[in-house]
């Protein structure tokens, strides 16, 4: 795939020689071509050709994988692989997953082959440039109301505490981008956690500062987890609920430290596009493992048009465009789902004065409550998968149709 090149049968789609930086490396030049090409039909043709580059090569292998999983599902007494794997999740049936995905589908003013031009014309969200060390200090300060403290041992090592309980150590290093590497998971009563936190020297834009918040929040949510057993600490109750606490903490920190991107900003446009792309791919993944006669299957041609207001002429190539369709399969929806639930929790509780209680119930969860109990404690209402889908739709549409209740303040 790395050896592909752009070959134009229609010379009208070639870029002007002065603008053309497209040589032979197709992967490296696709974005450049889509931004510089003013003709939308040419952009669409090239984008579709790129998406189809591996279809023939991957189709046979993917059919083998699907057939093997279908056989296994039938042996286990299930209709198909989607029904079997979802049975173990919080959204335990394809009907629930399909309902959620449809509730989150929203038309955006950007199709995949025109996204580059839309982003180039959108203004970025302005932030004050800062160093990673100073930004880490700012994050640590915001964590203090949650009873989380980060104290230096020396220039390379930080120690993390929650309510004076040692959670673990952070080992700092420098790199080209912010990222975290787990060395050892924390398990209460067994071992303290250890992480390497790789820091970029300077954070000059919103995306870099946001990425660092995401990384630190991910580390804190893992270190602070209060379960006494390793698997509960690292895997969670179900695959589609084990990262809700992390996403909530990310949203909470961003709400405290970063400006809210305007609706037409580059960051907001990119986020809407990324979400709709994930939703469309989740529909593709769910379809791929459902039996052909299942009523929960999506019409992918309509699904693509609903999100991107455009038609993908060869939408049957969609299953061969992302590797997660094999590794995650019908569970591809889980990241969008968990972010939606975390957003609903955040919007419903962000005005509460005592955020520490929310952190304790959702992130620490020392009592090992299941998701239903956690949501009932946080929202003071009994929650079912169906009702929660409806609530995430209200949060997605920025409508507060459910009152905010700070019930934790009365405890």
Protein backbone atom coordinates (compact mmCIF):
# COMPACT_ATOMS: atom_id res chain seq x y z
CA UNK A 1 0.00 0.00 0.00
CA UNK A 2 2.89 2.36 0.61
CA UNK A 3 3.97 2.10 -3.03
CA UNK A 4 0.74 3.46 -4.52
CA UNK A 5 0.92 6.52 -6.77
CA UNK A 6 -1.49 8.98 -8.36
CA UNK A 7 -2.21 8.14 -12.01
CA UNK A 8 -4.77 10.31 -13.77
CA UNK A 9 -6.66 8.97 -16.76
CA UNK A 10 -8.45 12.32 -16.87
CA UNK A 11 -5.85 15.05 -17.24
CA UNK A 12 -8.44 17.59 -16.13
CA UNK A 13 -8.00 16.37 -12.54
CA UNK A 14 -4.24 16.96 -12.49
CA UNK A 15 -3.03 19.88 -10.43
CA UNK A 16 -1.27 22.82 -11.96
CA UNK A 17 2.46 22.13 -12.03
CA UNK A 18 3.18 25.16 -9.83
CA UNK A 19 0.82 23.88 -7.13
CA UNK A 20 1.55 20.22 -7.51
CA UNK A 21 3.62 18.71 -4.72
CA UNK A 22 2.07 15.32 -5.50
CA UNK A 23 4.78 13.01 -6.76
CA UNK A 24 4.58 9.26 -6.28
CA UNK A 25 3.86 8.66 -2.61
CA UNK A 26 0.07 8.46 -2.53
CA UNK A 27 -0.37 8.19 1.24
CA UNK A 28 1.67 11.30 1.92
CA UNK A 29 0.07 13.44 -0.76
CA UNK A 30 -3.64 12.67 -0.55
CA UNK A 31 -4.44 15.45 1.94
CA UNK A 32 -2.35 17.91 -0.06
CA UNK A 33 -4.17 17.03 -3.27
CA UNK A 34 -7.64 17.33 -1.69
CA UNK A 35 -6.83 20.76 -0.26
CA UNK A 36 -5.35 22.15 -3.49
CA UNK A 37 -7.83 20.67 -5.99
CA UNK A 38 -10.68 23.21 -6.59
CA UNK A 39 -12.83 20.73 -8.57
CA UNK A 40 -15.08 18.81 -6.16
CA UNK A 41 -15.74 15.97 -8.59
CA UNK A 42 -12.00 15.42 -8.98
CA UNK A 43 -11.56 15.43 -5.21
CA UNK A 44 -14.36 12.92 -4.83
CA UNK A 45 -12.92 10.64 -7.53
CA UNK A 46 -9.47 10.60 -5.93
CA UNK A 47 -10.84 10.12 -2.40
CA UNK A 48 -13.01 7.20 -3.51
CA UNK A 49 -10.08 5.62 -5.35
CA UNK A 50 -7.95 5.90 -2.22
CA UNK A 51 -10.66 4.29 -0.07
CA UNK A 52 -10.91 1.40 -2.53
CA UNK A 53 -7.17 0.81 -2.77
CA UNK A 54 -7.24 -2.32 -0.60
CA UNK A 55 -10.74 -3.63 -1.32
CA UNK A 56 -9.75 -6.48 -3.63
CA UNK A 57 -6.82 -7.49 -1.43
CA UNK A 58 -8.80 -7.46 1.80
CA UNK A 59 -12.19 -8.77 0.69
CA UNK A 60 -11.26 -12.47 0.67
CA UNK A 61 -9.55 -12.32 4.08
CA UNK A 62 -12.42 -10.41 5.63
CA UNK A 63 -14.97 -12.90 4.30
CA UNK A 64 -12.99 -15.73 5.93
CA UNK A 65 -12.97 -13.88 9.27
CA UNK A 66 -16.70 -13.18 9.09
CA UNK A 67 -17.52 -16.78 8.22
CA UNK A 68 -15.43 -18.12 11.10
CA UNK A 69 -17.10 -15.77 13.58
CA UNK A 70 -20.53 -16.64 12.20
CA UNK A 71 -19.81 -20.34 12.64
CA UNK A 72 -18.63 -19.78 16.21
CA UNK A 73 -21.75 -17.73 17.02
CA UNK A 74 -24.03 -20.45 15.67
CA UNK A 75 -22.18 -23.10 17.68
CA UNK A 76 -22.71 -20.97 20.80
CA UNK A 77 -26.43 -20.67 20.04
CA UNK A 78 -26.56 -17.12 18.68
CA UNK A 79 -28.02 -15.76 15.47
CA UNK A 80 -24.74 -14.09 14.45
CA UNK A 81 -21.51 -12.63 15.81
CA UNK A 82 -23.04 -9.20 16.55
CA UNK A 83 -25.71 -10.75 18.79
CA UNK A 84 -23.12 -12.86 20.60
CA UNK A 85 -20.51 -10.22 21.37
CA UNK A 86 -23.05 -7.53 22.28
CA UNK A 87 -24.76 -9.86 24.72
CA UNK A 88 -21.84 -9.22 27.08
CA UNK A 89 -22.10 -5.40 26.85
CA UNK A 90 -24.23 -2.71 28.48
CA UNK A 91 -25.91 -2.13 25.12
CA UNK A 92 -26.65 -5.82 24.98
CA UNK A 93 -28.52 -6.12 21.68
CA UNK A 94 -27.95 -4.88 18.10
CA UNK A 95 -31.26 -3.04 18.32
CA UNK A 96 -29.92 -0.87 21.17
CA UNK A 97 -26.66 -0.16 19.33
CA UNK A 98 -28.52 0.71 16.13
CA UNK A 99 -30.88 2.99 18.05
CA UNK A 100 -27.98 4.78 19.71
CA UNK A 101 -26.04 5.25 16.46
CA UNK A 102 -29.10 6.64 14.69
CA UNK A 103 -29.82 9.00 17.58
CA UNK A 104 -26.31 10.46 17.27
CA UNK A 105 -26.36 10.85 13.48
CA UNK A 106 -26.34 14.47 12.40
CA UNK A 107 -25.77 16.12 9.02
CA UNK A 108 -22.58 18.19 8.93
CA UNK A 109 -21.47 20.71 6.34
CA UNK A 110 -18.35 18.77 5.33
CA UNK A 111 -17.89 15.64 3.25
CA UNK A 112 -14.64 13.64 3.45
CA UNK A 113 -13.18 14.87 0.17
CA UNK A 114 -13.87 18.54 1.02
CA UNK A 115 -12.92 18.47 4.71
CA UNK A 116 -9.41 19.83 4.09
CA UNK A 117 -10.74 22.91 2.36
CA UNK A 118 -13.39 23.48 5.04
CA UNK A 119 -10.76 23.27 7.78
CA UNK A 120 -8.36 25.55 5.93
CA UNK A 121 -11.07 28.23 5.80
CA UNK A 122 -12.09 27.84 9.45
CA UNK A 123 -10.42 29.88 12.18
CA UNK A 124 -8.61 28.01 14.95
CA UNK A 125 -9.49 28.47 18.61
CA UNK A 126 -6.88 30.84 20.05
CA UNK A 127 -5.03 29.81 23.20
CA UNK A 128 -2.01 31.21 25.01
CA UNK A 129 1.14 29.20 24.15
CA UNK A 130 2.74 27.58 27.17
CA UNK A 131 5.34 25.03 28.16
CA UNK A 132 4.32 21.45 28.96
CA UNK A 133 5.69 21.76 32.49
CA UNK A 134 3.60 24.86 33.20
CA UNK A 135 0.52 23.27 31.62
CA UNK A 136 1.05 20.19 33.81
CA UNK A 137 1.14 22.47 36.85
CA UNK A 138 -2.15 24.05 35.73
CA UNK A 139 -3.75 20.62 35.37
CA UNK A 140 -2.47 19.60 38.81
CA UNK A 141 -3.97 22.74 40.33
CA UNK A 142 -7.39 21.99 38.84
CA UNK A 143 -7.24 18.44 40.22
CA UNK A 144 -6.85 19.67 43.80
CA UNK A 145 -10.64 20.13 44.41
CA UNK A 146 -10.98 16.44 43.55
CA UNK A 147 -8.52 15.64 46.39
CA UNK A 148 -5.88 14.63 43.83
CA UNK A 149 -2.40 16.03 44.37
CA UNK A 150 0.70 15.76 42.19
CA UNK A 151 3.94 16.49 44.02
CA UNK A 152 7.49 16.49 42.64
CA UNK A 153 10.08 14.04 43.92
CA UNK A 154 12.71 15.49 41.61
CA UNK A 155 12.78 17.00 38.12
CA UNK A 156 12.04 13.64 36.48
CA UNK A 157 9.60 12.03 38.93
CA UNK A 158 6.18 13.12 40.21
CA UNK A 159 4.14 11.37 42.87
CA UNK A 160 0.33 11.19 42.68
CA UNK A 161 -1.92 11.05 45.76
CA UNK A 162 -5.67 10.89 46.34
CA UNK A 163 -6.79 11.97 49.79
CA UNK A 164 -3.23 11.37 51.02
CA UNK A 165 -3.29 7.81 49.61
CA UNK A 166 -0.34 7.15 47.33
CA UNK A 167 -1.56 6.16 43.86
CA UNK A 168 1.73 5.91 41.98
CA UNK A 169 4.57 7.69 40.20
CA UNK A 170 4.93 9.59 36.93
CA UNK A 171 8.28 9.48 35.17
CA UNK A 172 8.73 12.49 32.90
CA UNK A 173 10.56 12.46 29.59
CA UNK A 174 10.69 14.65 26.48
CA UNK A 175 9.37 13.73 23.05
CA UNK A 176 7.82 15.09 19.86
CA UNK A 177 4.26 14.58 21.11
CA UNK A 178 2.48 14.08 24.41
CA UNK A 179 1.76 10.47 25.27
CA UNK A 180 1.60 8.06 28.20
CA UNK A 181 3.15 4.62 28.56
CA UNK A 182 1.97 2.33 31.32
CA UNK A 183 4.73 0.65 33.28
CA UNK A 184 2.62 -0.92 36.01
CA UNK A 185 -1.10 -0.69 36.77
CA UNK A 186 -2.21 0.38 40.24
CA UNK A 187 -4.11 -2.21 42.29
CA UNK A 188 -5.29 -1.17 45.75
CA UNK A 189 -3.49 -3.13 48.46
CA UNK A 190 -1.25 -4.89 45.93
CA UNK A 191 0.90 -2.41 44.01
CA UNK A 192 1.29 1.27 43.19
CA UNK A 193 1.01 2.43 39.60
CA UNK A 194 3.83 3.67 37.40
CA UNK A 195 3.54 5.63 34.16
CA UNK A 196 5.93 7.35 31.80
CA UNK A 197 4.58 10.72 30.71
CA UNK A 198 6.21 11.94 27.51
CA UNK A 199 5.99 15.73 27.16
CA UNK A 200 6.33 17.96 24.14
CA UNK A 201 8.42 21.05 24.96
CA UNK A 202 5.93 23.73 23.93
CA UNK A 203 2.15 23.60 23.53
CA UNK A 204 1.32 26.29 21.01
CA UNK A 205 -2.26 25.48 19.97
CA UNK A 206 -5.57 24.20 21.28
CA UNK A 207 -5.08 20.69 19.96
CA UNK A 208 -1.75 20.21 21.74
CA UNK A 209 -3.07 21.52 25.06
CA UNK A 210 -6.21 19.41 24.73
CA UNK A 211 -4.13 16.31 23.95
CA UNK A 212 -2.09 16.79 27.12
CA UNK A 213 -5.25 17.08 29.22
CA UNK A 214 -6.52 13.85 27.64
CA UNK A 215 -3.25 12.07 28.44
CA UNK A 216 -3.03 13.21 32.06
CA UNK A 217 -6.73 12.48 32.67
CA UNK A 218 -6.24 8.98 31.30
CA UNK A 219 -3.37 8.38 33.74
CA UNK A 220 -5.25 9.82 36.74
CA UNK A 221 -8.41 7.81 36.03
CA UNK A 222 -6.35 4.62 35.91
CA UNK A 223 -4.29 5.39 39.02
CA UNK A 224 -7.30 6.47 41.07
CA UNK A 225 -9.45 3.42 40.33
CA UNK A 226 -10.30 1.92 43.71
CA UNK A 227 -10.86 -1.74 42.82
CA UNK A 228 -8.86 -4.35 44.71
CA UNK A 229 -8.62 -6.78 41.82
CA UNK A 230 -6.37 -6.37 38.81
CA UNK A 231 -8.90 -7.32 36.11
CA UNK A 232 -11.60 -5.02 37.49
CA UNK A 233 -9.05 -2.21 37.61
CA UNK A 234 -7.90 -2.66 34.03
CA UNK A 235 -10.92 -4.03 32.14
CA UNK A 236 -13.99 -2.59 33.81
CA UNK A 237 -17.51 -4.00 34.08
CA UNK A 238 -18.05 -4.19 30.30
CA UNK A 239 -16.00 -3.09 27.32
CA UNK A 240 -18.52 -0.39 26.46
CA UNK A 241 -18.47 1.19 29.94
CA UNK A 242 -14.88 0.96 31.21
CA UNK A 243 -13.70 4.38 29.94
CA UNK A 244 -16.64 6.61 30.85
CA UNK A 245 -14.79 7.89 33.91
CA UNK A 246 -11.76 8.85 31.81
CA UNK A 247 -13.84 10.74 29.26
CA UNK A 248 -15.74 12.55 32.01
CA UNK A 249 -12.48 13.69 33.63
CA UNK A 250 -11.14 14.88 30.28
CA UNK A 251 -14.28 16.96 29.68
CA UNK A 252 -14.21 18.36 33.21
CA UNK A 253 -10.58 19.47 32.96
CA UNK A 254 -11.10 21.02 29.53
CA UNK A 255 -14.09 22.91 30.89
CA UNK A 256 -11.84 24.37 33.58
CA UNK A 257 -8.72 25.06 31.50
CA UNK A 258 -9.65 25.63 27.86
CA UNK A 259 -12.01 28.01 26.06
CA UNK A 260 -15.06 26.41 24.45
CA UNK A 261 -14.48 26.27 20.67
CA UNK A 262 -16.98 28.30 18.65
CA UNK A 263 -19.37 26.33 16.48
CA UNK A 264 -17.60 27.34 13.24
CA UNK A 265 -14.06 26.97 14.58
CA UNK A 266 -11.57 24.51 13.12
CA UNK A 267 -11.63 22.37 16.26
CA UNK A 268 -15.45 22.19 16.38
CA UNK A 269 -15.70 21.30 12.68
CA UNK A 270 -13.07 18.59 13.02
CA UNK A 271 -14.74 17.14 16.13
CA UNK A 272 -18.13 16.96 14.42
CA UNK A 273 -16.59 15.28 11.38
CA UNK A 274 -14.61 12.78 13.48
CA UNK A 275 -17.73 11.87 15.47
CA UNK A 276 -19.86 11.33 12.37
CA UNK A 277 -17.11 9.27 10.73
CA UNK A 278 -16.92 7.05 13.83
CA UNK A 279 -20.71 6.68 13.85
CA UNK A 280 -20.79 5.73 10.16
CA UNK A 281 -18.00 3.20 10.62
CA UNK A 282 -19.81 1.76 13.65
CA UNK A 283 -22.85 1.22 11.42
CA UNK A 284 -20.61 -0.49 8.84
CA UNK A 285 -19.07 -2.74 11.51
CA UNK A 286 -22.44 -3.67 13.01
CA UNK A 287 -23.82 -4.49 9.55
CA UNK A 288 -20.84 -6.63 8.64
CA UNK A 289 -21.47 -9.14 11.42
CA UNK A 290 -25.28 -9.16 11.34
CA UNK A 291 -27.12 -11.82 9.36
CA UNK A 292 -28.33 -10.59 5.99
CA UNK A 293 -32.01 -10.69 6.97
CA UNK A 294 -31.62 -8.88 10.31
CA UNK A 295 -33.96 -5.89 10.65
CA UNK A 296 -31.30 -3.84 12.50
CA UNK A 297 -29.09 -3.54 9.43
CA UNK A 298 -28.45 -0.03 8.09
CA UNK A 299 -28.75 1.12 4.50
CA UNK A 300 -25.15 2.33 4.24
CA UNK A 301 -25.81 4.53 1.21
CA UNK A 302 -28.47 6.43 3.17
CA UNK A 303 -26.35 6.39 6.34
CA UNK A 304 -23.46 8.10 4.52
CA UNK A 305 -25.76 10.72 2.99
CA UNK A 306 -27.43 11.43 6.34
CA UNK A 307 -24.10 12.33 7.93
CA UNK A 308 -22.12 13.93 5.11
CA UNK A 309 -24.85 15.21 2.75
CA UNK A 310 -23.08 13.50 -0.14
CA UNK A 311 -23.04 10.12 -1.82
CA UNK A 312 -20.20 7.59 -1.74
CA UNK A 313 -20.59 5.90 -5.11
CA UNK A 314 -18.85 2.72 -3.95
CA UNK A 315 -20.03 2.57 -0.35
CA UNK A 316 -19.59 -1.23 -0.44
CA UNK A 317 -15.86 -0.52 -0.08
CA UNK A 318 -16.44 0.93 3.41
CA UNK A 319 -15.67 -2.28 5.35
CA UNK A 320 -12.16 -2.39 3.85
CA UNK A 321 -11.14 1.14 4.87
CA UNK A 322 -10.43 0.66 8.60
CA UNK A 323 -8.71 -2.19 10.42
CA UNK A 324 -10.85 -1.85 13.56
CA UNK A 325 -13.65 -3.66 11.76
CA UNK A 326 -11.63 -6.82 12.45
CA UNK A 327 -10.14 -5.99 15.85
CA UNK A 328 -13.24 -4.40 17.42
CA UNK A 329 -15.96 -5.52 15.05
CA UNK A 330 -19.48 -4.72 16.32
CA UNK A 331 -17.90 -3.05 19.39
CA UNK A 332 -16.58 -0.18 17.28
CA UNK A 333 -19.44 1.95 18.64
CA UNK A 334 -18.10 1.84 22.19
CA UNK A 335 -15.88 4.95 22.09
CA UNK A 336 -18.67 7.16 20.70
CA UNK A 337 -21.10 5.64 23.21
CA UNK A 338 -18.86 6.17 26.23
CA UNK A 339 -18.09 9.76 25.21
CA UNK A 340 -21.80 10.43 24.83
CA UNK A 341 -22.57 9.02 28.29
CA UNK A 342 -19.65 10.94 29.83
CA UNK A 343 -20.89 14.13 28.17
CA UNK A 344 -24.37 13.62 29.56
CA UNK A 345 -22.99 13.07 33.06
CA UNK A 346 -20.76 16.14 32.72
CA UNK A 347 -23.57 18.39 31.49
CA UNK A 348 -25.92 17.12 34.19
CA UNK A 349 -23.49 17.65 37.08
CA UNK A 350 -21.10 20.43 36.04
CA UNK A 351 -22.98 23.05 38.07
CA UNK A 352 -22.71 21.00 41.27
CA UNK A 353 -20.43 22.56 43.85
CA UNK A 354 -18.83 19.38 45.18
CA UNK A 355 -17.19 17.76 42.14
CA UNK A 356 -15.13 15.56 44.45
CA UNK A 357 -18.18 13.37 45.13
CA UNK A 358 -18.65 12.85 41.39
CA UNK A 359 -14.98 11.92 41.03
CA UNK A 360 -15.24 9.46 43.93
CA UNK A 361 -18.36 7.74 42.61
CA UNK A 362 -17.38 7.67 38.95
CA UNK A 363 -13.58 7.38 38.87
CA UNK A 364 -12.52 5.88 42.21
CA UNK A 365 -15.65 3.76 42.69
CA UNK A 366 -14.24 2.13 45.81
CA UNK A 367 -17.45 0.17 46.38
CA UNK A 368 -17.14 -1.41 42.91
CA UNK A 369 -20.66 -0.31 41.97
CA UNK A 370 -21.95 -1.36 38.58
CA UNK A 371 -22.83 1.24 35.97
CA UNK A 372 -26.54 1.28 36.84
CA UNK A 373 -25.77 2.01 40.50
CA UNK A 374 -23.20 4.67 39.61
CA UNK A 375 -25.66 6.49 37.36
CA UNK A 376 -28.38 6.26 39.98
CA UNK A 377 -26.07 7.76 42.60
CA UNK A 378 -24.98 10.54 40.25
CA UNK A 379 -28.35 11.39 38.72
CA UNK A 380 -30.78 10.24 41.45
CA UNK A 381 -32.82 8.32 38.89
CA UNK A 382 -33.04 4.70 37.76
CA UNK A 383 -31.40 4.45 34.34
CA UNK A 384 -31.99 1.84 31.66
CA UNK A 385 -30.03 1.48 28.40
CA UNK A 386 -33.02 2.76 26.43
CA UNK A 387 -33.54 5.83 28.65
CA UNK A 388 -29.83 6.61 28.64
CA UNK A 389 -29.75 6.55 24.84
CA UNK A 390 -32.49 9.19 24.82
CA UNK A 391 -30.59 11.30 27.36
CA UNK A 392 -27.34 11.15 25.36
CA UNK A 393 -29.29 12.38 22.35
CA UNK A 394 -30.43 15.44 24.30
CA UNK A 395 -26.84 16.12 25.35
CA UNK A 396 -25.69 15.64 21.76
CA UNK A 397 -28.22 18.21 20.56
CA UNK A 398 -27.21 20.65 23.32
CA UNK A 399 -30.70 20.57 24.84
CA UNK A 400 -31.09 20.37 28.60
CA UNK A 401 -34.40 18.55 28.61
CA UNK A 402 -33.56 16.86 31.89
CA UNK A 403 -33.06 19.01 34.96
CA UNK A 404 -29.67 19.10 36.63
CA UNK A 405 -29.83 17.60 40.09
CA UNK A 406 -26.96 17.96 42.49
CA UNK A 407 -28.26 15.18 44.72
CA UNK A 408 -24.76 14.40 45.97
CA UNK A 409 -24.69 17.69 47.87
CA UNK A 410 -27.36 16.39 50.22
CA UNK A 411 -25.35 13.34 51.27
